[in-house]
Amino acid sequence: MLTLALQNLLSPMVLFFVLGLAAALARSDLTVPEQVAKLLALYLLMAIGFKGGAEVAHHGIDGTLIATLAAGILLSFATPFLAYAILRVTTRLDPVNAAAVAAHYGSISAVTLVAVTGVLTQLGIAWDGYMVAVAAAMETPAIVAALLIARRRTKEAAPSDSRATLLREVAFNGSIVILVGAFLIGAATGTRGATMLKPFLVDAFPGVLCLFLLDMGLVAGRGLAQGRRHLTPAVTAFAVVMPLIGAALAAALAVAIGLSPGSTAVLITLAASASYIAVPAAMRLALPQANPAVALTLSLGVTFPFNLIVGIPLYIAVAGRIAA
């Protein structure tokens, strides 16, 4: 695990993230234009989705794929209930804010998915392409779970006329559309499509990832600088411990299914990640009374750096020990 951690820490991707983080904390004027950042994110999600679809076309649909999808959905739906209980016992967050934070930790971070697959590729560890479909399936159940928690614990709920809008916002969130759409295109074109797009989607991937993580470091650093007041010891501890709990649950399910080491590492990482794109948008609509700064500071300012620097090497090492 120490070897993996050192390799990850000294990889260009992580070092560019650290550069962005340090620049933001030092109040440098270094920036990545917003439209460029969106283009980088679009490219990365497209590349991951397409390669995953091509792998599924090569692999075929079987019981393992279906079981893994079911496991991902279960993790996404169940984790917010556990996260909410921990937050209410260990912190002073009110029910609405606790439910909103819990939703972030039940859903997944597409950027963390990009990071772990990049590390696995760098290490030469194969993973099954259908894990992209599992990631897409894990976006939404956590949001539903959080709304159930909030409605049970408070008298306030999202207006009934907004429910259809909420479901549409979640289903057609840009990250989900490009991830699933590219996955379907990759599955339809298979090896032929993968060969055609290899220079664009494979060879250029590491460089684009470095630039994107530089921007994410800048965003995370600014979030830490602006949201420090929300980082009480108990809340900060949750942002580190909850990913490990999610990782442990995913590891148990991966062993039961019989996933490969690479796919086990991806599932563990997905369960350990926290959303800061899809869920914040949904929470603004469904729970407008929740303070978005709390969840975003935790997910982007604490959990994302923890997973990138410490978590991913740990998850890969554990997967190598426990997987079939």
Protein backbone atom coordinates (compact mmCIF):
# COMPACT_ATOMS: atom_id res chain seq x y z
CA MET A 1 0.00 0.00 0.00
CA LEU A 2 2.89 2.39 0.79
CA THR A 3 4.36 1.74 -2.65
CA LEU A 4 1.02 2.48 -4.30
CA ALA A 5 0.60 5.60 -2.18
CA LEU A 6 4.06 6.85 -3.16
CA GLN A 7 3.41 6.14 -6.84
CA ASN A 8 0.11 7.99 -6.66
CA LEU A 9 1.55 10.94 -4.77
CA LEU A 10 4.37 11.28 -7.32
CA SER A 11 2.11 10.84 -10.35
CA PRO A 12 1.67 13.91 -12.58
CA MET A 13 -2.10 13.88 -11.99
CA VAL A 14 -1.86 14.19 -8.20
CA LEU A 15 1.00 16.68 -8.35
CA PHE A 16 -1.02 18.95 -10.65
CA PHE A 17 -3.91 18.74 -8.16
CA VAL A 18 -1.54 19.69 -5.33
CA LEU A 19 -0.22 22.56 -7.44
CA GLY A 20 -3.74 23.92 -7.90
CA LEU A 21 -4.55 23.45 -4.20
CA ALA A 22 -1.38 25.26 -3.12
CA ALA A 23 -1.95 28.06 -5.62
CA ALA A 24 -5.49 28.66 -4.35
CA LEU A 25 -4.45 28.63 -0.69
CA ALA A 26 -1.64 31.08 -1.54
CA ARG A 27 -4.23 33.31 -3.25
CA SER A 28 -2.50 33.11 -6.62
CA ASP A 29 -4.32 34.55 -9.62
CA LEU A 30 -3.87 31.24 -11.48
CA THR A 31 -7.19 30.26 -13.04
CA VAL A 32 -8.64 27.88 -15.59
CA PRO A 33 -11.40 29.58 -17.61
CA GLU A 34 -14.83 28.20 -16.73
CA GLN A 35 -15.65 27.16 -20.28
CA VAL A 36 -12.30 25.37 -20.60
CA ALA A 37 -12.95 23.54 -17.33
CA LYS A 38 -16.36 22.44 -18.59
CA LEU A 39 -14.80 21.22 -21.84
CA LEU A 40 -12.19 19.22 -19.92
CA ALA A 41 -14.90 17.62 -17.77
CA LEU A 42 -16.95 16.83 -20.88
CA TYR A 43 -13.95 15.18 -22.53
CA LEU A 44 -13.07 13.06 -19.48
CA LEU A 45 -16.62 11.80 -18.97
CA MET A 46 -16.93 11.08 -22.69
CA ALA A 47 -13.65 9.14 -22.70
CA ILE A 48 -14.54 7.08 -19.62
CA GLY A 49 -18.06 6.36 -20.87
CA PHE A 50 -16.98 5.41 -24.38
CA LYS A 51 -14.18 3.12 -23.23
CA GLY A 52 -16.56 1.49 -20.75
CA GLY A 53 -19.17 0.84 -23.44
CA ALA A 54 -16.56 -0.62 -25.77
CA GLU A 55 -15.42 -2.94 -22.98
CA VAL A 56 -18.99 -4.09 -22.36
CA ALA A 57 -19.37 -4.86 -26.07
CA HIS A 58 -16.24 -6.96 -25.80
CA HIS A 59 -17.22 -8.54 -22.45
CA GLY A 60 -20.95 -9.09 -22.98
CA ILE A 61 -23.86 -8.84 -20.51
CA ASP A 62 -23.81 -11.50 -17.81
CA GLY A 63 -24.82 -12.19 -14.23
CA THR A 64 -21.78 -10.42 -12.80
CA LEU A 65 -22.73 -7.18 -14.53
CA ILE A 66 -26.31 -7.37 -13.27
CA ALA A 67 -25.19 -8.23 -9.73
CA THR A 68 -22.72 -5.34 -9.71
CA LEU A 69 -25.39 -2.90 -10.87
CA ALA A 70 -27.68 -4.11 -8.07
CA ALA A 71 -24.87 -3.73 -5.54
CA GLY A 72 -24.14 -0.18 -6.69
CA ILE A 73 -27.78 0.86 -6.45
CA LEU A 74 -28.08 -0.71 -2.98
CA LEU A 75 -24.97 1.12 -1.76
CA SER A 76 -26.19 4.44 -3.11
CA PHE A 77 -29.62 4.12 -1.51
CA ALA A 78 -28.54 2.69 1.87
CA THR A 79 -25.46 4.84 2.55
CA PRO A 80 -27.36 8.12 3.16
CA PHE A 81 -29.36 6.52 5.98
CA LEU A 82 -26.14 5.45 7.68
CA ALA A 83 -24.44 8.78 7.00
CA TYR A 84 -27.43 10.68 8.39
CA ALA A 85 -27.43 8.63 11.59
CA ILE A 86 -23.70 9.24 12.09
CA LEU A 87 -24.05 12.98 11.47
CA ARG A 88 -26.95 13.37 13.90
CA VAL A 89 -25.10 11.51 16.65
CA THR A 90 -21.64 13.04 16.23
CA THR A 91 -22.30 16.59 14.94
CA ARG A 92 -24.63 19.51 15.56
CA LEU A 93 -26.01 19.61 12.03
CA ASP A 94 -29.80 20.03 11.89
CA PRO A 95 -31.91 17.34 10.14
CA VAL A 96 -32.16 19.17 6.81
CA ASN A 97 -28.44 19.88 6.48
CA ALA A 98 -27.58 16.39 7.72
CA ALA A 99 -29.86 14.88 5.06
CA ALA A 100 -28.29 17.05 2.35
CA VAL A 101 -24.76 16.04 3.38
CA ALA A 102 -25.84 12.40 3.54
CA ALA A 103 -27.04 12.59 -0.06
CA HIS A 104 -23.61 13.77 -1.20
CA TYR A 105 -21.95 10.77 0.46
CA GLY A 106 -24.43 8.26 -0.95
CA SER A 107 -23.98 9.46 -4.52
CA ILE A 108 -20.68 9.32 -6.41
CA SER A 109 -18.06 11.65 -7.81
CA ALA A 110 -17.47 11.20 -11.54
CA VAL A 111 -14.13 12.98 -11.16
CA THR A 112 -13.00 10.46 -8.54
CA LEU A 113 -14.02 7.72 -10.98
CA VAL A 114 -11.82 9.36 -13.60
CA ALA A 115 -8.96 9.56 -11.10
CA VAL A 116 -9.08 5.90 -10.01
CA THR A 117 -9.36 4.60 -13.57
CA GLY A 118 -6.41 6.80 -14.50
CA VAL A 119 -4.32 5.32 -11.68
CA LEU A 120 -5.37 1.77 -12.59
CA THR A 121 -4.39 2.38 -16.21
CA GLN A 122 -1.06 3.80 -15.11
CA LEU A 123 -0.44 0.71 -12.96
CA GLY A 124 -1.54 -1.67 -15.73
CA ILE A 125 -4.47 -3.06 -13.71
CA ALA A 126 -7.46 -4.03 -15.86
CA TRP A 127 -11.02 -3.14 -14.84
CA ASP A 128 -14.35 -4.05 -16.40
CA GLY A 129 -15.89 -1.35 -18.59
CA TYR A 130 -19.38 -1.95 -17.23
CA MET A 131 -18.27 -0.20 -14.01
CA VAL A 132 -19.11 3.02 -15.88
CA ALA A 133 -22.75 1.90 -16.01
CA VAL A 134 -22.57 1.10 -12.29
CA ALA A 135 -21.29 4.63 -11.62
CA ALA A 136 -24.18 6.15 -13.56
CA ALA A 137 -26.67 3.99 -11.67
CA MET A 138 -25.25 5.18 -8.32
CA GLU A 139 -25.94 8.88 -8.98
CA THR A 140 -29.66 9.01 -8.26
CA PRO A 141 -30.71 6.58 -5.45
CA ALA A 142 -28.90 8.65 -2.82
CA ILE A 143 -30.93 11.73 -3.73
CA VAL A 144 -34.16 9.78 -3.30
CA ALA A 145 -32.96 8.45 0.06
CA ALA A 146 -32.06 11.94 1.28
CA LEU A 147 -35.50 13.28 0.37
CA LEU A 148 -37.13 10.40 2.25
CA ILE A 149 -35.00 11.22 5.29
CA ALA A 150 -35.76 14.94 5.13
CA ARG A 151 -39.50 14.41 4.77
CA ARG A 152 -39.53 11.95 7.64
CA ARG A 153 -37.54 14.16 10.00
CA THR A 154 -39.01 17.55 9.13
CA LYS A 155 -42.42 18.89 8.30
CA GLU A 156 -41.02 20.70 5.26
CA ALA A 157 -40.78 18.92 1.93
CA ALA A 158 -40.19 19.82 -1.66
CA PRO A 159 -43.38 21.16 -3.23
CA SER A 160 -45.30 18.43 -5.02
CA ASP A 161 -45.20 20.34 -8.30
CA SER A 162 -41.37 20.33 -8.15
CA ARG A 163 -41.02 16.55 -7.89
CA ALA A 164 -41.33 16.00 -11.62
CA THR A 165 -38.84 18.80 -12.21
CA LEU A 166 -36.46 17.24 -9.68
CA LEU A 167 -36.64 13.83 -11.35
CA ARG A 168 -36.00 15.43 -14.73
CA GLU A 169 -33.07 17.45 -13.36
CA VAL A 170 -31.49 14.28 -11.97
CA ALA A 171 -32.17 12.07 -14.99
CA PHE A 172 -30.94 14.63 -17.50
CA ASN A 173 -28.05 16.02 -15.49
CA GLY A 174 -25.25 16.76 -17.96
CA SER A 175 -22.69 14.45 -16.34
CA ILE A 176 -25.13 11.53 -16.43
CA VAL A 177 -26.20 12.23 -20.03
CA ILE A 178 -22.65 12.34 -21.42
CA LEU A 179 -21.48 9.38 -19.31
CA VAL A 180 -24.40 7.13 -20.26
CA GLY A 181 -24.60 8.42 -23.83
CA ALA A 182 -20.90 7.83 -24.52
CA PHE A 183 -21.23 4.42 -22.87
CA LEU A 184 -24.05 3.46 -25.24
CA ILE A 185 -22.12 4.73 -28.26
CA GLY A 186 -19.07 2.74 -27.17
CA ALA A 187 -21.20 -0.37 -26.71
CA ALA A 188 -22.76 0.10 -30.16
CA THR A 189 -19.48 0.65 -32.02
CA GLY A 190 -17.33 -1.75 -29.97
CA THR A 191 -13.74 -2.48 -30.96
CA ARG A 192 -14.07 -0.68 -34.31
CA GLY A 193 -15.09 2.57 -32.62
CA ALA A 194 -12.40 2.20 -29.95
CA THR A 195 -9.72 1.82 -32.61
CA MET A 196 -10.96 4.87 -34.51
CA LEU A 197 -10.99 7.13 -31.45
CA LYS A 198 -7.88 5.79 -29.69
CA PRO A 199 -5.67 8.85 -30.47
CA PHE A 200 -8.34 11.19 -29.10
CA LEU A 201 -9.86 9.27 -26.18
CA VAL A 202 -6.91 7.18 -25.00
CA ASP A 203 -3.61 8.80 -25.95
CA ALA A 204 -4.66 12.33 -24.93
CA PHE A 205 -6.40 11.22 -21.74
CA PRO A 206 -3.50 11.57 -19.21
CA GLY A 207 -2.64 15.12 -20.29
CA VAL A 208 -6.24 16.31 -20.16
CA LEU A 209 -6.64 14.68 -16.73
CA CYS A 210 -3.63 16.61 -15.42
CA LEU A 211 -5.08 19.93 -16.58
CA PHE A 212 -8.50 19.08 -15.16
CA LEU A 213 -7.07 18.11 -11.76
CA LEU A 214 -5.11 21.38 -11.69
CA ASP A 215 -8.47 23.14 -11.94
CA MET A 216 -10.02 20.86 -9.30
CA GLY A 217 -7.14 21.71 -6.97
CA LEU A 218 -7.89 25.40 -7.45
CA VAL A 219 -11.59 24.81 -6.75
CA ALA A 220 -10.89 22.68 -3.67
CA GLY A 221 -8.43 25.24 -2.30
CA ARG A 222 -10.90 28.09 -2.69
CA GLY A 223 -13.60 25.99 -1.05
CA LEU A 224 -11.36 25.33 1.94
CA ALA A 225 -10.43 28.99 2.22
CA GLN A 226 -14.06 30.14 2.12
CA GLY A 227 -15.68 27.32 4.10
CA ARG A 228 -13.32 26.79 7.02
CA ARG A 229 -15.94 27.87 9.53
CA HIS A 230 -17.98 24.77 8.68
CA LEU A 231 -15.07 22.42 9.39
CA THR A 232 -15.61 21.59 13.04
CA PRO A 233 -13.56 18.61 14.29
CA ALA A 234 -16.60 16.30 14.28
CA VAL A 235 -17.75 17.30 10.79
CA THR A 236 -14.23 17.04 9.38
CA ALA A 237 -13.80 13.60 10.94
CA PHE A 238 -17.02 12.51 9.26
CA ALA A 239 -15.66 13.60 5.85
CA VAL A 240 -12.71 11.23 6.34
CA VAL A 241 -14.37 8.33 8.18
CA MET A 242 -17.50 8.07 6.02
CA PRO A 243 -15.55 7.26 2.83
CA LEU A 244 -13.82 4.43 4.69
CA ILE A 245 -17.17 3.06 5.87
CA GLY A 246 -18.55 3.19 2.33
CA ALA A 247 -15.38 1.54 1.05
CA ALA A 248 -15.71 -1.30 3.56
CA LEU A 249 -19.33 -1.97 2.57
CA ALA A 250 -18.41 -1.98 -1.13
CA ALA A 251 -15.46 -4.29 -0.50
CA ALA A 252 -17.74 -6.85 1.15
CA LEU A 253 -20.18 -6.73 -1.78
CA ALA A 254 -17.36 -6.97 -4.33
CA VAL A 255 -16.03 -10.11 -2.67
CA ALA A 256 -19.51 -11.63 -2.60
CA ILE A 257 -19.96 -10.94 -6.32
CA GLY A 258 -16.46 -12.09 -7.23
CA LEU A 259 -15.24 -8.97 -9.02
CA SER A 260 -11.73 -8.67 -10.43
CA PRO A 261 -9.15 -6.61 -8.47
CA GLY A 262 -9.52 -3.65 -10.85
CA SER A 263 -13.32 -3.61 -10.74
CA THR A 264 -13.25 -4.11 -6.97
CA ALA A 265 -11.03 -1.03 -6.66
CA VAL A 266 -13.45 0.98 -8.82
CA LEU A 267 -16.53 -0.09 -6.81
CA ILE A 268 -14.78 0.66 -3.52
CA THR A 269 -13.71 4.07 -4.77
CA LEU A 270 -17.20 4.90 -6.03
CA ALA A 271 -18.69 4.01 -2.64
CA ALA A 272 -16.03 6.10 -0.89
CA SER A 273 -16.51 9.18 -3.07
CA ALA A 274 -18.87 12.09 -2.52
CA SER A 275 -20.81 14.00 -5.15
CA TYR A 276 -20.28 17.72 -5.73
CA ILE A 277 -21.98 18.13 -9.11
CA ALA A 278 -25.27 16.26 -9.50
CA VAL A 279 -26.37 16.19 -5.85
CA PRO A 280 -25.80 19.90 -5.10
CA ALA A 281 -27.99 20.78 -8.09
CA ALA A 282 -30.72 18.42 -6.90
CA MET A 283 -30.51 19.60 -3.29
CA ARG A 284 -30.90 23.24 -4.33
CA LEU A 285 -34.23 22.31 -5.85
CA ALA A 286 -35.46 19.74 -3.33
CA LEU A 287 -34.06 21.14 -0.06
CA PRO A 288 -33.49 24.86 -0.65
CA GLN A 289 -33.34 25.47 3.12
CA ALA A 290 -30.12 23.45 3.38
CA ASN A 291 -26.83 25.37 3.38
CA PRO A 292 -24.89 24.17 0.28
CA ALA A 293 -21.58 25.44 1.66
CA VAL A 294 -21.52 22.72 4.33
CA ALA A 295 -21.82 19.75 1.98
CA LEU A 296 -19.60 21.24 -0.73
CA THR A 297 -16.83 22.11 1.72
CA LEU A 298 -16.85 18.55 3.03
CA SER A 299 -17.16 16.70 -0.28
CA LEU A 300 -14.84 18.86 -2.39
CA GLY A 301 -12.55 20.38 0.22
CA VAL A 302 -11.95 17.35 2.45
CA THR A 303 -13.16 14.05 0.99
CA PHE A 304 -11.97 14.57 -2.58
CA PRO A 305 -8.35 15.42 -1.61
CA PHE A 306 -8.36 12.59 0.94
CA ASN A 307 -9.49 10.07 -1.69
CA LEU A 308 -7.10 11.36 -4.31
CA ILE A 309 -4.01 11.36 -2.11
CA VAL A 310 -4.66 8.62 0.46
CA GLY A 311 -7.86 6.76 -0.38
CA ILE A 312 -7.25 5.54 -3.93
CA PRO A 313 -3.89 3.87 -3.16
CA LEU A 314 -5.52 2.27 -0.10
CA TYR A 315 -8.54 1.02 -2.05
CA ILE A 316 -6.39 -0.43 -4.84
CA ALA A 317 -4.15 -2.18 -2.32
CA VAL A 318 -7.13 -3.64 -0.46
CA ALA A 319 -8.75 -4.74 -3.71
CA GLY A 320 -5.57 -6.56 -4.69
CA ARG A 321 -5.69 -8.50 -1.43
CA ILE A 322 -9.37 -9.43 -1.28
CA ALA A 323 -10.48 -9.75 -4.93
CA ALA A 324 -10.68 -12.97 -6.90
